[in-house]
Amino acid sequence: MDMTASNQNSEIKKVEDVDAPTSDRSGLAGILESILRRFRMASYLIALIPLYLLCILAMSIAATPGIFFYHFIAAQARELPLIFFYAACAFGFVSGYFLYGLTLIFVVPLFNFLLPFKCKPFRGGYFSLTSVPWYFHNALTYIVRYTFLEFITPTPLNILFFRMMGMKIGKGVHINTSNISDPALIEIEDKVTIGGSVHLIAHYASKGYLIVEPVKIRKGVTIGLKATIMGDVEIGAGAVIAPHEVILPKSRVPAGRKPFIAEEQEKLIRKDLPSQDFV
């Protein structure tokens, strides 16, 4: 009993004070994080500059083939009657957009791979150096998600994109959603079906803390339309998640679980974690 209490106390002591104006880190990292905490708004805005520049660069590289193709078509059609010239320009413009998207799904994972830091599980404040890889990883993911990913969902191309972003995906997986955050922290085993507009999120927030924890979906799982799977969730093999169902953080869904088979309220196993976590 004493040993258990000691372990629980040690876990509580590890809880980070997100309101502290200074960092517990040492050296240069501690100085930078203390500045980030003390001057939160200004530091946050300054820190966004390299992130935005990186995103602009990735999008610009991806847009280059499309712009080239548009100008090529426009140049070839300039001697045509006006109506045909406009039609050719429209064709070049729309085709250029799809060239942009198809290039982007390869450029963004390359940028993500070349980053000197990787998205990893953590618990702490939004204004911390530990959160920086999480911001960059999701910012790059969202560029594709909000500008092109819907056009290739569900196809093998969206599977390819998420794999290149670090998601572990098994054989025979069907992903009919673009609403995925933190792909590097999501593991999907063989024969999993993910329905339309499902949200897969390997993070959540609680009591001022940001908690980033992996999501694991075992073999043969089916996730229904518009369901939400939050951070630190494990779904057992063959389980079924109902449409619109929300699986809360720290839940452990048992293998073979089926919804709507009993009228009594179902209780999912919850993992015990430090006090700042979602309850």
Protein backbone atom coordinates (compact mmCIF):
# COMPACT_ATOMS: atom_id res chain seq x y z
CA MET A 1 0.00 0.00 0.00
CA ASP A 2 2.82 2.39 0.90
CA MET A 3 4.58 1.63 -2.39
CA THR A 4 1.37 2.31 -4.35
CA ALA A 5 0.86 5.61 -2.57
CA SER A 6 4.47 6.54 -3.25
CA ASN A 7 4.06 5.82 -6.98
CA GLN A 8 0.87 7.90 -7.11
CA ASN A 9 2.59 10.79 -5.35
CA SER A 10 5.50 10.64 -7.78
CA GLU A 11 3.05 10.79 -10.70
CA ILE A 12 1.36 13.86 -9.18
CA LYS A 13 4.71 15.58 -8.69
CA LYS A 14 5.40 15.21 -12.41
CA VAL A 15 2.36 17.34 -13.28
CA GLU A 16 3.59 20.49 -15.00
CA ASP A 17 2.47 23.91 -13.78
CA VAL A 18 1.34 25.45 -17.06
CA ASP A 19 0.86 28.86 -15.42
CA ALA A 20 4.46 29.09 -14.20
CA PRO A 21 6.31 32.04 -15.84
CA THR A 22 9.58 30.10 -15.96
CA SER A 23 10.62 26.70 -17.29
CA ASP A 24 12.03 23.73 -15.39
CA ARG A 25 14.37 23.05 -18.30
CA SER A 26 18.04 23.88 -18.13
CA GLY A 27 20.32 25.65 -20.59
CA LEU A 28 19.20 27.36 -23.77
CA ALA A 29 15.98 25.35 -23.94
CA GLY A 30 15.00 26.63 -20.51
CA ILE A 31 15.70 30.23 -21.48
CA LEU A 32 13.65 29.95 -24.68
CA GLU A 33 10.74 28.28 -22.93
CA SER A 34 10.78 30.86 -20.13
CA ILE A 35 10.57 33.64 -22.72
CA LEU A 36 7.72 31.78 -24.42
CA ARG A 37 5.84 31.52 -21.13
CA ARG A 38 6.49 35.02 -19.83
CA PHE A 39 5.57 36.79 -23.08
CA ARG A 40 2.97 34.33 -24.30
CA MET A 41 1.09 36.26 -26.95
CA ALA A 42 4.12 37.98 -28.48
CA SER A 43 6.26 34.83 -28.38
CA TYR A 44 3.45 32.78 -29.87
CA LEU A 45 3.01 35.17 -32.78
CA ILE A 46 6.77 35.29 -33.42
CA ALA A 47 6.99 31.50 -33.28
CA LEU A 48 4.28 31.26 -35.93
CA ILE A 49 6.44 33.12 -38.48
CA PRO A 50 8.75 30.17 -39.32
CA LEU A 51 5.75 27.83 -39.32
CA TYR A 52 3.87 30.00 -41.82
CA LEU A 53 6.98 30.41 -43.96
CA LEU A 54 7.45 26.64 -44.03
CA CYS A 55 3.83 26.11 -45.06
CA ILE A 56 4.05 28.82 -47.74
CA LEU A 57 7.20 27.22 -49.12
CA ALA A 58 5.60 23.76 -49.26
CA MET A 59 2.49 25.10 -50.98
CA SER A 60 4.57 27.18 -53.42
CA ILE A 61 6.66 24.19 -54.48
CA ALA A 62 3.50 22.12 -54.92
CA ALA A 63 1.83 24.87 -56.96
CA THR A 64 4.75 25.26 -59.39
CA PRO A 65 3.78 22.41 -61.80
CA GLY A 66 0.18 23.62 -61.91
CA ILE A 67 1.14 27.23 -62.67
CA PHE A 68 3.53 26.06 -65.36
CA PHE A 69 0.80 23.93 -66.95
CA TYR A 70 -1.71 26.79 -66.86
CA HIS A 71 0.66 29.20 -68.60
CA PHE A 72 1.57 26.52 -71.15
CA ILE A 73 -2.10 25.96 -72.04
CA ALA A 74 -2.80 29.71 -72.15
CA ALA A 75 0.17 30.27 -74.48
CA GLN A 76 -0.93 27.50 -76.83
CA ALA A 77 -4.51 28.80 -76.98
CA ARG A 78 -3.86 32.52 -77.42
CA GLU A 79 -4.58 32.41 -81.19
CA LEU A 80 -7.94 30.69 -80.72
CA PRO A 81 -11.28 32.50 -80.78
CA LEU A 82 -12.01 34.18 -77.46
CA ILE A 83 -14.56 31.62 -76.22
CA PHE A 84 -12.17 28.75 -76.89
CA PHE A 85 -9.30 30.68 -75.32
CA TYR A 86 -11.33 31.11 -72.13
CA ALA A 87 -12.28 27.42 -72.16
CA ALA A 88 -8.63 26.44 -72.58
CA CYS A 89 -7.60 28.75 -69.73
CA ALA A 90 -10.31 27.26 -67.50
CA PHE A 91 -9.08 23.76 -68.34
CA GLY A 92 -5.50 24.80 -67.55
CA PHE A 93 -6.53 26.44 -64.28
CA VAL A 94 -8.56 23.50 -62.96
CA SER A 95 -5.98 20.98 -64.15
CA GLY A 96 -3.29 23.11 -62.48
CA TYR A 97 -5.16 22.87 -59.19
CA PHE A 98 -5.22 19.08 -59.35
CA LEU A 99 -1.53 19.06 -60.23
CA TYR A 100 -0.98 21.20 -57.13
CA GLY A 101 -2.87 18.74 -54.94
CA LEU A 102 -1.21 15.64 -56.30
CA THR A 103 2.20 17.26 -55.83
CA LEU A 104 1.30 18.52 -52.36
CA ILE A 105 0.61 15.03 -50.99
CA PHE A 106 4.27 14.21 -51.63
CA VAL A 107 5.86 17.58 -50.79
CA VAL A 108 4.26 17.88 -47.34
CA PRO A 109 5.41 14.44 -46.07
CA LEU A 110 8.91 15.28 -47.33
CA PHE A 111 8.92 18.50 -45.30
CA ASN A 112 7.56 16.59 -42.29
CA PHE A 113 10.35 14.01 -42.65
CA LEU A 114 13.06 16.69 -42.89
CA LEU A 115 11.97 18.51 -39.73
CA PRO A 116 14.67 18.28 -37.01
CA PHE A 117 12.02 17.33 -34.44
CA LYS A 118 9.21 14.77 -34.44
CA CYS A 119 5.74 14.74 -32.92
CA LYS A 120 5.78 12.63 -29.74
CA PRO A 121 3.39 11.95 -26.85
CA PHE A 122 3.50 14.53 -24.08
CA ARG A 123 1.46 16.29 -21.41
CA GLY A 124 2.00 19.95 -20.68
CA GLY A 125 1.23 23.49 -21.67
CA TYR A 126 0.49 24.93 -25.07
CA PHE A 127 3.27 27.49 -24.51
CA SER A 128 6.18 25.06 -24.27
CA LEU A 129 8.99 23.82 -26.48
CA THR A 130 7.58 20.30 -26.23
CA SER A 131 4.44 21.40 -28.07
CA VAL A 132 6.35 22.85 -31.06
CA PRO A 133 6.72 19.53 -33.00
CA TRP A 134 3.00 18.91 -32.48
CA TYR A 135 2.12 22.32 -33.99
CA PHE A 136 4.37 21.81 -37.01
CA HIS A 137 3.21 18.25 -37.67
CA ASN A 138 -0.46 19.18 -37.62
CA ALA A 139 0.03 22.42 -39.56
CA LEU A 140 1.60 20.47 -42.41
CA THR A 141 -1.16 17.84 -42.22
CA TYR A 142 -3.88 20.50 -42.32
CA ILE A 143 -2.46 22.10 -45.48
CA VAL A 144 -3.34 18.93 -47.37
CA ARG A 145 -6.49 18.27 -45.36
CA TYR A 146 -8.09 21.63 -46.06
CA THR A 147 -6.90 22.25 -49.62
CA PHE A 148 -7.03 18.89 -51.41
CA LEU A 149 -7.47 15.74 -49.32
CA GLU A 150 -11.24 15.49 -49.82
CA PHE A 151 -10.66 14.94 -53.55
CA ILE A 152 -8.68 11.75 -52.92
CA THR A 153 -10.78 10.37 -50.04
CA PRO A 154 -11.38 7.46 -50.08
CA THR A 155 -8.73 6.27 -52.52
CA PRO A 156 -5.35 4.57 -52.13
CA LEU A 157 -3.82 8.05 -52.37
CA ASN A 158 -5.16 9.17 -48.98
CA ILE A 159 -3.80 5.96 -47.44
CA LEU A 160 -0.44 6.70 -49.07
CA PHE A 161 -0.43 10.27 -47.76
CA PHE A 162 -1.15 9.27 -44.16
CA ARG A 163 1.47 6.53 -44.30
CA MET A 164 4.06 9.04 -45.51
CA MET A 165 3.05 11.32 -42.61
CA GLY A 166 3.97 8.57 -40.16
CA MET A 167 0.67 6.79 -39.58
CA LYS A 168 1.01 3.03 -39.20
CA ILE A 169 -1.60 1.46 -41.48
CA GLY A 170 -2.09 -2.26 -42.05
CA LYS A 171 -3.38 -4.16 -45.07
CA GLY A 172 -6.93 -3.84 -46.38
CA VAL A 173 -7.66 -0.62 -44.49
CA HIS A 174 -10.41 1.69 -45.77
CA ILE A 175 -10.33 5.34 -44.60
CA ASN A 176 -13.31 7.39 -45.75
CA THR A 177 -12.47 10.56 -43.84
CA SER A 178 -10.04 13.45 -43.99
CA ASN A 179 -10.71 14.54 -40.39
CA ILE A 180 -7.48 13.16 -38.97
CA SER A 181 -5.06 14.96 -36.69
CA ASP A 182 -1.68 13.77 -35.37
CA PRO A 183 -1.27 11.00 -37.99
CA ALA A 184 2.21 10.12 -36.70
CA LEU A 185 0.62 8.97 -33.42
CA ILE A 186 -2.14 6.80 -34.90
CA GLU A 187 -1.81 3.06 -35.51
CA ILE A 188 -4.38 1.15 -37.59
CA GLU A 189 -4.08 -2.60 -38.03
CA ASP A 190 -5.33 -4.83 -40.88
CA LYS A 191 -8.89 -4.84 -42.26
CA VAL A 192 -10.07 -1.73 -40.42
CA THR A 193 -12.96 0.27 -41.88
CA ILE A 194 -13.27 3.94 -40.95
CA GLY A 195 -16.54 5.51 -42.05
CA GLY A 196 -17.28 8.89 -43.57
CA SER A 197 -16.53 12.05 -41.57
CA VAL A 198 -15.02 10.12 -38.65
CA HIS A 199 -12.69 12.21 -36.46
CA LEU A 200 -9.43 10.57 -35.37
CA ILE A 201 -7.58 12.79 -32.92
CA ALA A 202 -4.50 11.74 -30.93
CA HIS A 203 -4.75 14.71 -28.57
CA TYR A 204 -7.16 16.43 -26.23
CA ALA A 205 -7.18 19.31 -23.76
CA SER A 206 -8.18 19.37 -20.12
CA LYS A 207 -7.84 21.91 -17.31
CA GLY A 208 -5.41 24.06 -19.25
CA TYR A 209 -3.21 21.16 -20.34
CA LEU A 210 -2.54 19.73 -23.77
CA ILE A 211 -2.31 15.94 -23.73
CA VAL A 212 -0.94 14.18 -26.82
CA GLU A 213 -1.24 10.38 -26.64
CA PRO A 214 -1.36 7.64 -29.31
CA VAL A 215 -4.51 6.05 -30.74
CA LYS A 216 -4.41 2.31 -31.48
CA ILE A 217 -7.07 0.61 -33.58
CA ARG A 218 -6.70 -3.17 -33.71
CA LYS A 219 -7.44 -5.63 -36.52
CA GLY A 220 -10.93 -5.79 -38.01
CA VAL A 221 -12.40 -2.75 -36.25
CA THR A 222 -15.33 -0.89 -37.84
CA ILE A 223 -15.88 2.77 -36.99
CA GLY A 224 -19.25 4.20 -38.01
CA LEU A 225 -20.18 7.44 -39.73
CA LYS A 226 -19.15 10.65 -37.88
CA ALA A 227 -17.82 8.84 -34.81
CA THR A 228 -15.03 10.54 -32.83
CA ILE A 229 -11.97 8.77 -31.44
CA MET A 230 -9.95 10.94 -29.06
CA GLY A 231 -6.40 10.72 -27.72
CA ASP A 232 -5.09 7.77 -25.68
CA VAL A 233 -7.72 5.33 -26.93
CA GLU A 234 -7.23 1.66 -27.74
CA ILE A 235 -9.91 -0.25 -29.65
CA GLY A 236 -9.73 -4.04 -29.46
CA ALA A 237 -9.80 -6.37 -32.46
CA GLY A 238 -13.16 -6.77 -34.16
CA ALA A 239 -14.88 -4.07 -32.13
CA VAL A 240 -17.58 -1.85 -33.65
CA ILE A 241 -17.98 1.85 -32.91
CA ALA A 242 -21.46 3.14 -33.65
CA PRO A 243 -22.19 6.11 -35.95
CA HIS A 244 -21.84 9.45 -34.10
CA GLU A 245 -20.40 7.68 -31.04
CA VAL A 246 -17.67 9.48 -29.10
CA ILE A 247 -14.89 7.42 -27.51
CA LEU A 248 -13.47 9.58 -24.75
CA PRO A 249 -9.76 9.83 -23.85
CA LYS A 250 -8.17 6.95 -21.96
CA SER A 251 -10.91 4.51 -23.02
CA ARG A 252 -10.06 0.88 -23.68
CA VAL A 253 -12.69 -0.69 -25.95
CA PRO A 254 -12.70 -4.50 -25.56
CA ALA A 255 -12.19 -6.83 -28.50
CA GLY A 256 -15.39 -7.85 -30.26
CA ARG A 257 -17.46 -5.13 -28.62
CA LYS A 258 -20.76 -4.39 -30.37
CA PRO A 259 -22.93 -1.32 -29.69
CA PHE A 260 -26.68 -1.44 -29.05
CA ILE A 261 -26.73 -5.03 -27.81
CA ALA A 262 -27.96 -4.17 -24.32
CA GLU A 263 -30.15 -1.46 -22.87
CA GLU A 264 -28.03 -0.91 -19.77
CA GLN A 265 -25.30 1.73 -19.96
CA GLU A 266 -22.03 0.34 -21.21
CA LYS A 267 -18.93 0.98 -19.14
CA LEU A 268 -15.61 1.13 -20.94
CA ILE A 269 -12.35 0.52 -19.10
CA ARG A 270 -10.51 3.75 -18.38
CA LYS A 271 -6.76 4.03 -17.94
CA ASP A 272 -5.55 5.83 -14.79
CA LEU A 273 -3.32 8.80 -15.61
CA PRO A 274 -2.09 11.93 -13.80
CA SER A 275 -4.59 14.40 -12.43
CA GLN A 276 -4.52 16.91 -15.28
CA ASP A 277 -6.06 14.40 -17.66
CA PHE A 278 -9.58 14.36 -19.00
CA VAL A 279 -12.19 12.97 -16.60
